[in-house]
């Protein structure tokens, strides 16, 4: 899967609540792995969104739904 295919994917909590979209992927160059997914959340029409770095290990890919989920993330 190409890294660009990951950008724009929705992210949901384990309760099914939408919390944002993946805006960037950061790499661990030394380890050769994805380190973080940057989540864009909040704002309106793409303005005022705040970035949040989510450890890649905290995410699971729902291949049927074509989105990501996390059991460790909660909304405030």
PDB file of N, CA and C in Angstrom:
ATOM      1  N   UNK A   1       0.848  -1.170   0.000  1.00  0.00           N
ATOM      2  CA  UNK A   1       0.000   0.000   0.000  1.00  0.00           C
ATOM      3  C   UNK A   1       0.895   1.235   0.000  1.00  0.00           C
ATOM      4  N   UNK A   2       0.617   2.165  -0.853  1.00  0.00           N
ATOM      5  CA  UNK A   2       1.384   3.407  -0.931  1.00  0.00           C
ATOM      6  C   UNK A   2       0.988   4.337   0.213  1.00  0.00           C
ATOM      7  N   UNK A   3       1.948   5.115   0.699  1.00  0.00           N
ATOM      8  CA  UNK A   3       1.679   6.051   1.791  1.00  0.00           C
ATOM      9  C   UNK A   3       0.598   7.053   1.413  1.00  0.00           C
ATOM     10  N   UNK A   4       0.564   7.477   0.165  1.00  0.00           N
ATOM     11  CA  UNK A   4      -0.467   8.429  -0.262  1.00  0.00           C
ATOM     12  C   UNK A   4      -1.866   7.839  -0.150  1.00  0.00           C
ATOM     13  N   UNK A   5      -1.978   6.520  -0.229  1.00  0.00           N
ATOM     14  CA  UNK A   5      -3.286   5.875  -0.100  1.00  0.00           C
ATOM     15  C   UNK A   5      -3.814   5.969   1.329  1.00  0.00           C
ATOM     16  N   UNK A   6      -2.929   6.199   2.296  1.00  0.00           N
ATOM     17  CA  UNK A   6      -3.335   6.302   3.692  1.00  0.00           C
ATOM     18  C   UNK A   6      -3.868   7.691   4.031  1.00  0.00           C
ATOM     19  N   UNK A   7      -3.368   8.699   3.343  1.00  0.00           N
ATOM     20  CA  UNK A   7      -3.787  10.070   3.625  1.00  0.00           C
ATOM     21  C   UNK A   7      -5.257  10.249   3.261  1.00  0.00           C
ATOM     22  N   UNK A   8      -5.962  10.956   4.124  1.00  0.00           N
ATOM     23  CA  UNK A   8      -7.375  11.211   3.889  1.00  0.00           C
ATOM     24  C   UNK A   8      -8.299  10.155   4.466  1.00  0.00           C
ATOM     25  N   UNK A   9      -7.731   9.049   4.972  1.00  0.00           N
ATOM     26  CA  UNK A   9      -8.562   8.017   5.585  1.00  0.00           C
ATOM     27  C   UNK A   9      -9.143   8.526   6.892  1.00  0.00           C
ATOM     28  N   UNK A  10     -10.371   8.150   7.160  1.00  0.00           N
ATOM     29  CA  UNK A  10     -11.043   8.528   8.395  1.00  0.00           C
ATOM     30  C   UNK A  10     -10.506   7.716   9.559  1.00  0.00           C
ATOM     31  N   UNK A  11     -10.596   8.300  10.752  1.00  0.00           N
ATOM     32  CA  UNK A  11     -10.180   7.636  11.979  1.00  0.00           C
ATOM     33  C   UNK A  11     -11.348   7.663  12.950  1.00  0.00           C
ATOM     34  N   UNK A  12     -11.653   6.496  13.517  1.00  0.00           N
ATOM     35  CA  UNK A  12     -12.773   6.349  14.436  1.00  0.00           C
ATOM     36  C   UNK A  12     -12.297   5.773  15.759  1.00  0.00           C
ATOM     37  N   UNK A  13     -12.997   6.126  16.843  1.00  0.00           N
ATOM     38  CA  UNK A  13     -12.734   5.492  18.134  1.00  0.00           C
ATOM     39  C   UNK A  13     -13.323   4.089  18.103  1.00  0.00           C
ATOM     40  N   UNK A  14     -13.055   3.308  19.131  1.00  0.00           N
ATOM     41  CA  UNK A  14     -13.620   1.957  19.202  1.00  0.00           C
ATOM     42  C   UNK A  14     -15.140   1.989  19.343  1.00  0.00           C
ATOM     43  N   UNK A  15     -15.682   3.137  19.744  1.00  0.00           N
ATOM     44  CA  UNK A  15     -17.135   3.304  19.852  1.00  0.00           C
ATOM     45  C   UNK A  15     -17.765   3.754  18.543  1.00  0.00           C
ATOM     46  N   UNK A  16     -16.944   3.927  17.508  1.00  0.00           N
ATOM     47  CA  UNK A  16     -17.464   4.321  16.206  1.00  0.00           C
ATOM     48  C   UNK A  16     -17.576   5.817  15.988  1.00  0.00           C
ATOM     49  N   UNK A  17     -17.032   6.610  16.911  1.00  0.00           N
ATOM     50  CA  UNK A  17     -17.097   8.069  16.776  1.00  0.00           C
ATOM     51  C   UNK A  17     -15.979   8.566  15.860  1.00  0.00           C
ATOM     52  N   UNK A  18     -16.346   9.341  14.853  1.00  0.00           N
ATOM     53  CA  UNK A  18     -15.364   9.907  13.916  1.00  0.00           C
ATOM     54  C   UNK A  18     -14.582  11.000  14.628  1.00  0.00           C
ATOM     55  N   UNK A  19     -13.252  10.903  14.580  1.00  0.00           N
ATOM     56  CA  UNK A  19     -12.442  11.917  15.261  1.00  0.00           C
ATOM     57  C   UNK A  19     -11.511  12.673  14.328  1.00  0.00           C
ATOM     58  N   UNK A  20     -11.506  12.353  13.056  1.00  0.00           N
ATOM     59  CA  UNK A  20     -10.684  13.113  12.121  1.00  0.00           C
ATOM     60  C   UNK A  20     -10.216  12.275  10.952  1.00  0.00           C
ATOM     61  N   UNK A  21      -9.313  12.863  10.176  1.00  0.00           N
ATOM     62  CA  UNK A  21      -8.735  12.205   9.010  1.00  0.00           C
ATOM     63  C   UNK A  21      -7.220  12.233   9.105  1.00  0.00           C
ATOM     64  N   UNK A  22      -6.586  11.233   8.523  1.00  0.00           N
ATOM     65  CA  UNK A  22      -5.129  11.190   8.487  1.00  0.00           C
ATOM     66  C   UNK A  22      -4.657  12.192   7.442  1.00  0.00           C
ATOM     67  N   UNK A  23      -3.824  13.143   7.885  1.00  0.00           N
ATOM     68  CA  UNK A  23      -3.342  14.176   6.965  1.00  0.00           C
ATOM     69  C   UNK A  23      -1.907  13.930   6.512  1.00  0.00           C
ATOM     70  N   UNK A  24      -1.128  13.248   7.328  1.00  0.00           N
ATOM     71  CA  UNK A  24       0.277  12.978   7.001  1.00  0.00           C
ATOM     72  C   UNK A  24       0.704  11.664   7.639  1.00  0.00           C
ATOM     73  N   UNK A  25       1.780  11.110   7.119  1.00  0.00           N
ATOM     74  CA  UNK A  25       2.419   9.922   7.681  1.00  0.00           C
ATOM     75  C   UNK A  25       3.873  10.295   7.964  1.00  0.00           C
ATOM     76  N   UNK A  26       4.359   9.997   9.177  1.00  0.00           N
ATOM     77  CA  UNK A  26       5.761  10.268   9.491  1.00  0.00           C
ATOM     78  C   UNK A  26       6.506   8.945   9.638  1.00  0.00           C
ATOM     79  N   UNK A  27       7.759   8.955   9.229  1.00  0.00           N
ATOM     80  CA  UNK A  27       8.563   7.739   9.217  1.00  0.00           C
ATOM     81  C   UNK A  27       9.632   7.746  10.294  1.00  0.00           C
ATOM     82  N   UNK A  28       9.950   6.566  10.779  1.00  0.00           N
ATOM     83  CA  UNK A  28      11.130   6.332  11.597  1.00  0.00           C
ATOM     84  C   UNK A  28      12.198   5.889  10.601  1.00  0.00           C
ATOM     85  N   UNK A  29      13.041   6.812  10.182  1.00  0.00           N
ATOM     86  CA  UNK A  29      14.007   6.540   9.121  1.00  0.00           C
ATOM     87  C   UNK A  29      14.983   5.444   9.529  1.00  0.00           C
ATOM     88  N   UNK A  30      15.452   5.489  10.756  1.00  0.00           N
ATOM     89  CA  UNK A  30      16.407   4.474  11.215  1.00  0.00           C
ATOM     90  C   UNK A  30      15.785   3.086  11.257  1.00  0.00           C
ATOM     91  N   UNK A  31      14.542   3.004  11.688  1.00  0.00           N
ATOM     92  CA  UNK A  31      13.874   1.712  11.788  1.00  0.00           C
ATOM     93  C   UNK A  31      13.206   1.273  10.500  1.00  0.00           C
ATOM     94  N   UNK A  32      13.031   2.224   9.562  1.00  0.00           N
ATOM     95  CA  UNK A  32      12.402   1.896   8.293  1.00  0.00           C
ATOM     96  C   UNK A  32      10.924   1.574   8.404  1.00  0.00           C
ATOM     97  N   UNK A  33      10.248   2.222   9.349  1.00  0.00           N
ATOM     98  CA  UNK A  33       8.828   1.949   9.584  1.00  0.00           C
ATOM     99  C   UNK A  33       8.049   3.245   9.730  1.00  0.00           C
ATOM    100  N   UNK A  34       6.739   3.121   9.635  1.00  0.00           N
ATOM    101  CA  UNK A  34       5.873   4.262   9.921  1.00  0.00           C
ATOM    102  C   UNK A  34       5.904   4.490  11.426  1.00  0.00           C
ATOM    103  N   UNK A  35       6.132   5.728  11.840  1.00  0.00           N
ATOM    104  CA  UNK A  35       6.176   6.055  13.261  1.00  0.00           C
ATOM    105  C   UNK A  35       4.834   6.603  13.746  1.00  0.00           C
ATOM    106  N   UNK A  36       4.305   7.579  13.023  1.00  0.00           N
ATOM    107  CA  UNK A  36       3.079   8.255  13.435  1.00  0.00           C
ATOM    108  C   UNK A  36       2.184   8.532  12.238  1.00  0.00           C
ATOM    109  N   UNK A  37       0.903   8.573  12.521  1.00  0.00           N
ATOM    110  CA  UNK A  37      -0.072   9.123  11.587  1.00  0.00           C
ATOM    111  C   UNK A  37      -0.470  10.468  12.178  1.00  0.00           C
ATOM    112  N   UNK A  38      -0.459  11.505  11.376  1.00  0.00           N
ATOM    113  CA  UNK A  38      -0.866  12.823  11.848  1.00  0.00           C
ATOM    114  C   UNK A  38      -2.351  12.963  11.554  1.00  0.00           C
ATOM    115  N   UNK A  39      -3.110  13.185  12.606  1.00  0.00           N
ATOM    116  CA  UNK A  39      -4.552  13.303  12.531  1.00  0.00           C
ATOM    117  C   UNK A  39      -4.932  14.770  12.460  1.00  0.00           C
ATOM    118  N   UNK A  40      -5.748  15.144  11.488  1.00  0.00           N
ATOM    119  CA  UNK A  40      -6.293  16.497  11.404  1.00  0.00           C
ATOM    120  C   UNK A  40      -7.694  16.438  11.990  1.00  0.00           C
ATOM    121  N   UNK A  41      -7.933  17.238  13.024  1.00  0.00           N
ATOM    122  CA  UNK A  41      -9.218  17.182  13.706  1.00  0.00           C
ATOM    123  C   UNK A  41      -9.684  18.581  14.055  1.00  0.00           C
ATOM    124  N   UNK A  42     -10.997  18.733  14.122  1.00  0.00           N
ATOM    125  CA  UNK A  42     -11.585  20.017  14.466  1.00  0.00           C
ATOM    126  C   UNK A  42     -11.667  20.922  13.262  1.00  0.00           C
ATOM    127  N   UNK A  43     -11.956  22.155  13.495  1.00  0.00           N
ATOM    128  CA  UNK A  43     -12.039  23.117  12.409  1.00  0.00           C
ATOM    129  C   UNK A  43     -13.336  23.001  11.635  1.00  0.00           C
ATOM    130  N   UNK A  44     -13.406  23.800  10.580  1.00  0.00           N
ATOM    131  CA  UNK A  44     -14.596  23.847   9.734  1.00  0.00           C
ATOM    132  C   UNK A  44     -14.153  24.051   8.305  1.00  0.00           C
ATOM    133  N   UNK A  45     -14.577  23.180   7.417  1.00  0.00           N
ATOM    134  CA  UNK A  45     -14.218  23.242   5.998  1.00  0.00           C
ATOM    135  C   UNK A  45     -12.704  23.301   5.785  1.00  0.00           C
ATOM    136  N   UNK A  46     -11.974  22.562   6.606  1.00  0.00           N
ATOM    137  CA  UNK A  46     -10.522  22.490   6.468  1.00  0.00           C
ATOM    138  C   UNK A  46      -9.765  23.630   7.115  1.00  0.00           C
ATOM    139  N   UNK A  47     -10.467  24.581   7.701  1.00  0.00           N
ATOM    140  CA  UNK A  47      -9.798  25.712   8.359  1.00  0.00           C
ATOM    141  C   UNK A  47      -9.866  25.520   9.871  1.00  0.00           C
ATOM    142  N   UNK A  48      -8.763  25.786  10.531  1.00  0.00           N
ATOM    143  CA  UNK A  48      -8.710  25.681  11.981  1.00  0.00           C
ATOM    144  C   UNK A  48      -8.488  24.275  12.499  1.00  0.00           C
ATOM    145  N   UNK A  49      -8.165  23.334  11.603  1.00  0.00           N
ATOM    146  CA  UNK A  49      -7.880  21.977  12.052  1.00  0.00           C
ATOM    147  C   UNK A  49      -6.584  21.959  12.853  1.00  0.00           C
ATOM    148  N   UNK A  50      -6.540  21.094  13.855  1.00  0.00           N
ATOM    149  CA  UNK A  50      -5.334  20.944  14.660  1.00  0.00           C
ATOM    150  C   UNK A  50      -4.715  19.582  14.373  1.00  0.00           C
ATOM    151  N   UNK A  51      -3.379  19.535  14.273  1.00  0.00           N
ATOM    152  CA  UNK A  51      -2.716  18.248  14.031  1.00  0.00           C
ATOM    153  C   UNK A  51      -2.419  17.517  15.347  1.00  0.00           C
ATOM    154  N   UNK A  52      -2.605  16.209  15.325  1.00  0.00           N
ATOM    155  CA  UNK A  52      -2.290  15.350  16.459  1.00  0.00           C
ATOM    156  C   UNK A  52      -1.488  14.162  15.942  1.00  0.00           C
ATOM    157  N   UNK A  53      -0.337  13.895  16.538  1.00  0.00           N
ATOM    158  CA  UNK A  53       0.482  12.745  16.146  1.00  0.00           C
ATOM    159  C   UNK A  53       0.012  11.522  16.931  1.00  0.00           C
ATOM    160  N   UNK A  54      -0.428  10.504  16.193  1.00  0.00           N
ATOM    161  CA  UNK A  54      -0.925   9.274  16.796  1.00  0.00           C
ATOM    162  C   UNK A  54       0.084   8.167  16.497  1.00  0.00           C
ATOM    163  N   UNK A  55       0.603   7.480  17.518  1.00  0.00           N
ATOM    164  CA  UNK A  55       1.543   6.386  17.241  1.00  0.00           C
ATOM    165  C   UNK A  55       0.907   5.350  16.311  1.00  0.00           C
ATOM    166  N   UNK A  56       1.655   4.942  15.314  1.00  0.00           N
ATOM    167  CA  UNK A  56       1.149   3.980  14.336  1.00  0.00           C
ATOM    168  C   UNK A  56       0.679   2.698  15.017  1.00  0.00           C
ATOM    169  N   UNK A  57       1.361   2.313  16.095  1.00  0.00           N
ATOM    170  CA  UNK A  57       1.012   1.080  16.810  1.00  0.00           C
ATOM    171  C   UNK A  57      -0.356   1.160  17.484  1.00  0.00           C
ATOM    172  N   UNK A  58      -0.910   2.364  17.645  1.00  0.00           N
ATOM    173  CA  UNK A  58      -2.217   2.536  18.279  1.00  0.00           C
ATOM    174  C   UNK A  58      -3.367   2.395  17.287  1.00  0.00           C
ATOM    175  N   UNK A  59      -3.054   2.239  16.004  1.00  0.00           N
ATOM    176  CA  UNK A  59      -4.089   2.206  14.971  1.00  0.00           C
ATOM    177  C   UNK A  59      -4.276   0.808  14.402  1.00  0.00           C
ATOM    178  N   UNK A  60      -5.486   0.543  13.983  1.00  0.00           N
ATOM    179  CA  UNK A  60      -5.791  -0.689  13.251  1.00  0.00           C
ATOM    180  C   UNK A  60      -6.507  -0.304  11.966  1.00  0.00           C
ATOM    181  N   UNK A  61      -6.217  -1.022  10.905  1.00  0.00           N
ATOM    182  CA  UNK A  61      -6.833  -0.742   9.612  1.00  0.00           C
ATOM    183  C   UNK A  61      -8.041  -1.638   9.431  1.00  0.00           C
ATOM    184  N   UNK A  62      -9.202  -1.006   9.232  1.00  0.00           N
ATOM    185  CA  UNK A  62     -10.417  -1.748   8.906  1.00  0.00           C
ATOM    186  C   UNK A  62     -10.509  -1.873   7.399  1.00  0.00           C
ATOM    187  N   UNK A  63     -10.072  -2.998   6.863  1.00  0.00           N
ATOM    188  CA  UNK A  63     -10.005  -3.141   5.407  1.00  0.00           C
ATOM    189  C   UNK A  63     -11.383  -3.159   4.764  1.00  0.00           C
ATOM    190  N   UNK A  64     -12.390  -3.675   5.445  1.00  0.00           N
ATOM    191  CA  UNK A  64     -13.738  -3.680   4.883  1.00  0.00           C
ATOM    192  C   UNK A  64     -14.313  -2.272   4.813  1.00  0.00           C
ATOM    193  N   UNK A  65     -14.070  -1.488   5.856  1.00  0.00           N
ATOM    194  CA  UNK A  65     -14.609  -0.132   5.918  1.00  0.00           C
ATOM    195  C   UNK A  65     -13.690   0.897   5.272  1.00  0.00           C
ATOM    196  N   UNK A  66     -12.461   0.488   4.962  1.00  0.00           N
ATOM    197  CA  UNK A  66     -11.444   1.383   4.410  1.00  0.00           C
ATOM    198  C   UNK A  66     -11.242   2.609   5.298  1.00  0.00           C
ATOM    199  N   UNK A  67     -11.057   2.345   6.591  1.00  0.00           N
ATOM    200  CA  UNK A  67     -10.800   3.410   7.558  1.00  0.00           C
ATOM    201  C   UNK A  67      -9.935   2.837   8.676  1.00  0.00           C
ATOM    202  N   UNK A  68      -9.486   3.701   9.569  1.00  0.00           N
ATOM    203  CA  UNK A  68      -8.669   3.292  10.699  1.00  0.00           C
ATOM    204  C   UNK A  68      -9.470   3.415  11.982  1.00  0.00           C
ATOM    205  N   UNK A  69      -9.103   2.584  12.942  1.00  0.00           N
ATOM    206  CA  UNK A  69      -9.717   2.640  14.252  1.00  0.00           C
ATOM    207  C   UNK A  69      -8.656   2.587  15.322  1.00  0.00           C
ATOM    208  N   UNK A  70      -9.049   2.978  16.513  1.00  0.00           N
ATOM    209  CA  UNK A  70      -8.127   2.932  17.639  1.00  0.00           C
ATOM    210  C   UNK A  70      -8.906   2.637  18.901  1.00  0.00           C
ATOM    211  N   UNK A  71      -8.406   1.692  19.681  1.00  0.00           N
ATOM    212  CA  UNK A  71      -9.027   1.395  20.965  1.00  0.00           C
ATOM    213  C   UNK A  71      -8.464   2.281  22.062  1.00  0.00           C
ATOM    214  N   UNK A  72      -7.352   2.967  21.789  1.00  0.00           N
ATOM    215  CA  UNK A  72      -6.705   3.760  22.836  1.00  0.00           C
ATOM    216  C   UNK A  72      -7.016   5.249  22.742  1.00  0.00           C
ATOM    217  N   UNK A  73      -7.723   5.677  21.702  1.00  0.00           N
ATOM    218  CA  UNK A  73      -8.033   7.099  21.557  1.00  0.00           C
ATOM    219  C   UNK A  73      -9.427   7.392  22.074  1.00  0.00           C
ATOM    220  N   UNK A  74      -9.555   8.545  22.701  1.00  0.00           N
ATOM    221  CA  UNK A  74     -10.857   9.009  23.181  1.00  0.00           C
ATOM    222  C   UNK A  74     -11.001  10.475  22.820  1.00  0.00           C
ATOM    223  N   UNK A  75     -12.232  10.894  22.633  1.00  0.00           N
ATOM    224  CA  UNK A  75     -12.467  12.311  22.372  1.00  0.00           C
ATOM    225  C   UNK A  75     -12.646  13.028  23.694  1.00  0.00           C
ATOM    226  N   UNK A  76     -12.347  14.315  23.683  1.00  0.00           N
ATOM    227  CA  UNK A  76     -12.448  15.096  24.922  1.00  0.00           C
ATOM    228  C   UNK A  76     -13.859  15.573  25.148  1.00  0.00           C
TER     229      UNK A  76
END
